[in-house]
Amino acid sequence: DEFSLLLGGIKEISIDQWKTHTQYSSWTPQDTEIVWFWQVVSSLKQEEKALLLKFATAQSSLPAGGFSELEGLTGNGFTIGQLHGTNKVPHASTCFNLLSLSHYSSEFQLREKLLIALRHGSEGFAFS
């Protein structure tokens, strides 16, 4: 219902909406790595997409308005930035909804490094 949506946000992640509300810093949507990125994201299971969202934004679900309502310190939306180097594990700046990708030698390399980040970097900070 609407109340649950407002409290919990959107659980189903639309890749088309994500792409529409993505800005690029030092990349263009036509760059090979960006094309590979969206192909990899499209192939992820819903749970993995949620992990990616959490890794990059620190939110496990979207606000009720979707990606257009995703708020960061620099405004609404999601940004993909560029890391220097090749075949690096992606970095995230969650306060800015920023995911930074390096250059990759193949789509396979991008997928492998992204999955490492999702599996090992989506938990954030913890105290023991």
C-alpha atoms as a PDB file:
ATOM      1  CA  ASP A   1       0.000   0.000   0.000  1.00  0.00           C
ATOM      2  CA  GLU A   2       0.998   3.670  -0.211  1.00  0.00           C
ATOM      3  CA  PHE A   3       1.969   3.955   3.462  1.00  0.00           C
ATOM      4  CA  SER A   4       4.353   0.997   3.186  1.00  0.00           C
ATOM      5  CA  LEU A   5       5.828   2.503   0.029  1.00  0.00           C
ATOM      6  CA  LEU A   6       6.472   5.804   1.802  1.00  0.00           C
ATOM      7  CA  LEU A   7       8.113   4.034   4.752  1.00  0.00           C
ATOM      8  CA  GLY A   8      10.094   1.402   2.902  1.00  0.00           C
ATOM      9  CA  GLY A   9      10.638   2.919  -0.514  1.00  0.00           C
ATOM     10  CA  ILE A  10      10.672   1.101  -3.820  1.00  0.00           C
ATOM     11  CA  LYS A  11      12.002  -2.460  -3.657  1.00  0.00           C
ATOM     12  CA  GLU A  12      11.999  -3.248  -7.404  1.00  0.00           C
ATOM     13  CA  ILE A  13      14.849  -1.435  -9.159  1.00  0.00           C
ATOM     14  CA  SER A  14      14.230  -0.272 -12.731  1.00  0.00           C
ATOM     15  CA  ILE A  15      17.416  -0.147 -14.801  1.00  0.00           C
ATOM     16  CA  ASP A  16      15.755   2.174 -17.330  1.00  0.00           C
ATOM     17  CA  GLN A  17      14.854   4.658 -14.586  1.00  0.00           C
ATOM     18  CA  TRP A  18      18.339   4.298 -13.068  1.00  0.00           C
ATOM     19  CA  LYS A  19      19.952   5.118 -16.433  1.00  0.00           C
ATOM     20  CA  THR A  20      17.610   8.069 -16.982  1.00  0.00           C
ATOM     21  CA  HIS A  21      18.554   9.616 -13.642  1.00  0.00           C
ATOM     22  CA  THR A  22      22.301   8.987 -13.891  1.00  0.00           C
ATOM     23  CA  GLN A  23      24.815  11.728 -14.492  1.00  0.00           C
ATOM     24  CA  TYR A  24      28.362  11.091 -15.655  1.00  0.00           C
ATOM     25  CA  SER A  25      31.576  12.692 -14.482  1.00  0.00           C
ATOM     26  CA  SER A  26      34.528  12.121 -16.867  1.00  0.00           C
ATOM     27  CA  TRP A  27      32.453   9.505 -18.730  1.00  0.00           C
ATOM     28  CA  THR A  28      29.746   9.605 -21.383  1.00  0.00           C
ATOM     29  CA  PRO A  29      26.885   7.111 -21.750  1.00  0.00           C
ATOM     30  CA  GLN A  30      28.559   5.865 -24.955  1.00  0.00           C
ATOM     31  CA  ASP A  31      31.920   4.995 -23.346  1.00  0.00           C
ATOM     32  CA  THR A  32      32.717   1.288 -23.476  1.00  0.00           C
ATOM     33  CA  GLU A  33      32.956   0.924 -19.702  1.00  0.00           C
ATOM     34  CA  ILE A  34      29.568   2.578 -19.197  1.00  0.00           C
ATOM     35  CA  VAL A  35      27.927   0.344 -21.818  1.00  0.00           C
ATOM     36  CA  TRP A  36      29.501  -2.668 -20.081  1.00  0.00           C
ATOM     37  CA  PHE A  37      28.410  -1.362 -16.668  1.00  0.00           C
ATOM     38  CA  TRP A  38      24.746  -1.161 -17.670  1.00  0.00           C
ATOM     39  CA  GLN A  39      24.929  -4.589 -19.328  1.00  0.00           C
ATOM     40  CA  VAL A  40      26.356  -6.048 -16.116  1.00  0.00           C
ATOM     41  CA  VAL A  41      23.783  -4.268 -13.931  1.00  0.00           C
ATOM     42  CA  SER A  42      20.973  -5.483 -16.205  1.00  0.00           C
ATOM     43  CA  SER A  43      22.164  -9.057 -15.711  1.00  0.00           C
ATOM     44  CA  LEU A  44      22.252  -8.824 -11.900  1.00  0.00           C
ATOM     45  CA  LYS A  45      19.626 -10.448  -9.702  1.00  0.00           C
ATOM     46  CA  GLN A  46      17.304  -8.041  -7.894  1.00  0.00           C
ATOM     47  CA  GLU A  47      19.163  -8.671  -4.620  1.00  0.00           C
ATOM     48  CA  GLU A  48      22.484  -7.781  -6.274  1.00  0.00           C
ATOM     49  CA  LYS A  49      20.986  -4.592  -7.710  1.00  0.00           C
ATOM     50  CA  ALA A  50      19.882  -3.689  -4.189  1.00  0.00           C
ATOM     51  CA  LEU A  51      23.431  -4.349  -2.939  1.00  0.00           C
ATOM     52  CA  LEU A  52      24.785  -2.061  -5.665  1.00  0.00           C
ATOM     53  CA  LEU A  53      22.327   0.635  -4.664  1.00  0.00           C
ATOM     54  CA  LYS A  54      23.346   0.224  -1.018  1.00  0.00           C
ATOM     55  CA  PHE A  55      27.065   0.229  -1.893  1.00  0.00           C
ATOM     56  CA  ALA A  56      26.797   3.450  -3.913  1.00  0.00           C
ATOM     57  CA  THR A  57      24.172   5.351  -1.898  1.00  0.00           C
ATOM     58  CA  ALA A  58      23.998   3.687   1.557  1.00  0.00           C
ATOM     59  CA  GLN A  59      20.273   3.097   0.892  1.00  0.00           C
ATOM     60  CA  SER A  60      18.878  -0.396   0.459  1.00  0.00           C
ATOM     61  CA  SER A  61      15.758   0.820  -1.319  1.00  0.00           C
ATOM     62  CA  LEU A  62      14.727   3.827  -3.354  1.00  0.00           C
ATOM     63  CA  PRO A  63      12.561   6.670  -2.088  1.00  0.00           C
ATOM     64  CA  ALA A  64       8.899   6.561  -3.127  1.00  0.00           C
ATOM     65  CA  GLY A  65       9.641   8.820  -6.125  1.00  0.00           C
ATOM     66  CA  GLY A  66      12.384   6.518  -7.423  1.00  0.00           C
ATOM     67  CA  PHE A  67      15.790   7.630  -8.664  1.00  0.00           C
ATOM     68  CA  SER A  68      14.599  11.176  -9.339  1.00  0.00           C
ATOM     69  CA  GLU A  69      14.077  11.584  -5.571  1.00  0.00           C
ATOM     70  CA  LEU A  70      17.385  10.016  -4.542  1.00  0.00           C
ATOM     71  CA  GLU A  71      19.009  12.778  -2.501  1.00  0.00           C
ATOM     72  CA  GLY A  72      22.724  13.366  -2.048  1.00  0.00           C
ATOM     73  CA  LEU A  73      24.781  16.288  -0.813  1.00  0.00           C
ATOM     74  CA  THR A  74      25.049  17.706  -4.331  1.00  0.00           C
ATOM     75  CA  GLY A  75      21.411  17.267  -5.346  1.00  0.00           C
ATOM     76  CA  ASN A  76      19.167  14.512  -6.626  1.00  0.00           C
ATOM     77  CA  GLY A  77      20.156  11.554  -8.745  1.00  0.00           C
ATOM     78  CA  PHE A  78      23.045   9.162  -9.169  1.00  0.00           C
ATOM     79  CA  THR A  79      26.500   9.808 -10.626  1.00  0.00           C
ATOM     80  CA  ILE A  80      29.111   7.542 -12.185  1.00  0.00           C
ATOM     81  CA  GLY A  81      32.600   8.998 -11.923  1.00  0.00           C
ATOM     82  CA  GLN A  82      36.000   7.840 -13.064  1.00  0.00           C
ATOM     83  CA  LEU A  83      38.894   6.293 -11.132  1.00  0.00           C
ATOM     84  CA  HIS A  84      42.419   6.479 -12.510  1.00  0.00           C
ATOM     85  CA  GLY A  85      43.897   3.158 -13.523  1.00  0.00           C
ATOM     86  CA  THR A  86      42.663  -0.112 -14.974  1.00  0.00           C
ATOM     87  CA  ASN A  87      40.709  -3.061 -13.560  1.00  0.00           C
ATOM     88  CA  LYS A  88      40.213  -1.508 -10.110  1.00  0.00           C
ATOM     89  CA  VAL A  89      37.457  -2.351  -7.663  1.00  0.00           C
ATOM     90  CA  PRO A  90      34.821   0.418  -7.879  1.00  0.00           C
ATOM     91  CA  HIS A  91      34.719   3.067  -5.153  1.00  0.00           C
ATOM     92  CA  ALA A  92      31.628   4.705  -3.704  1.00  0.00           C
ATOM     93  CA  SER A  93      31.022   8.082  -2.104  1.00  0.00           C
ATOM     94  CA  THR A  94      27.642   7.465  -0.549  1.00  0.00           C
ATOM     95  CA  CYS A  95      27.026  11.053   0.579  1.00  0.00           C
ATOM     96  CA  PHE A  96      27.129  12.074  -3.084  1.00  0.00           C
ATOM     97  CA  ASN A  97      25.446   8.950  -4.579  1.00  0.00           C
ATOM     98  CA  LEU A  98      28.656   8.534  -6.566  1.00  0.00           C
ATOM     99  CA  LEU A  99      30.006   5.280  -7.960  1.00  0.00           C
ATOM    100  CA  SER A 100      33.503   5.564  -9.447  1.00  0.00           C
ATOM    101  CA  LEU A 101      34.703   3.110 -12.081  1.00  0.00           C
ATOM    102  CA  SER A 102      38.173   2.677 -13.559  1.00  0.00           C
ATOM    103  CA  HIS A 103      38.912   1.584 -17.103  1.00  0.00           C
ATOM    104  CA  TYR A 104      38.488  -2.156 -17.607  1.00  0.00           C
ATOM    105  CA  SER A 105      40.133  -4.554 -20.039  1.00  0.00           C
ATOM    106  CA  SER A 106      36.846  -6.442 -20.545  1.00  0.00           C
ATOM    107  CA  GLU A 107      33.220  -6.620 -19.446  1.00  0.00           C
ATOM    108  CA  PHE A 108      34.224  -9.727 -17.485  1.00  0.00           C
ATOM    109  CA  GLN A 109      36.801  -7.711 -15.492  1.00  0.00           C
ATOM    110  CA  LEU A 110      34.261  -4.982 -14.762  1.00  0.00           C
ATOM    111  CA  ARG A 111      31.743  -7.597 -13.576  1.00  0.00           C
ATOM    112  CA  GLU A 112      34.288  -9.352 -11.358  1.00  0.00           C
ATOM    113  CA  LYS A 113      35.467  -6.122  -9.715  1.00  0.00           C
ATOM    114  CA  LEU A 114      31.908  -4.847  -9.259  1.00  0.00           C
ATOM    115  CA  LEU A 115      30.840  -8.096  -7.593  1.00  0.00           C
ATOM    116  CA  ILE A 116      33.838  -7.892  -5.238  1.00  0.00           C
ATOM    117  CA  ALA A 117      32.724  -4.400  -4.233  1.00  0.00           C
ATOM    118  CA  LEU A 118      29.119  -5.539  -3.724  1.00  0.00           C
ATOM    119  CA  ARG A 119      29.990  -8.605  -1.700  1.00  0.00           C
ATOM    120  CA  HIS A 120      32.623  -6.989   0.483  1.00  0.00           C
ATOM    121  CA  GLY A 121      31.814  -3.300   0.476  1.00  0.00           C
ATOM    122  CA  SER A 122      28.056  -3.030   0.920  1.00  0.00           C
ATOM    123  CA  GLU A 123      28.087  -3.482   4.699  1.00  0.00           C
ATOM    124  CA  GLY A 124      29.561  -0.060   5.403  1.00  0.00           C
ATOM    125  CA  PHE A 125      31.177   0.698   8.731  1.00  0.00           C
ATOM    126  CA  ALA A 126      30.772  -1.613  11.675  1.00  0.00           C
ATOM    127  CA  PHE A 127      32.058  -1.661  15.233  1.00  0.00           C
ATOM    128  CA  SER A 128      33.150  -4.853  16.941  1.00  0.00           C
END
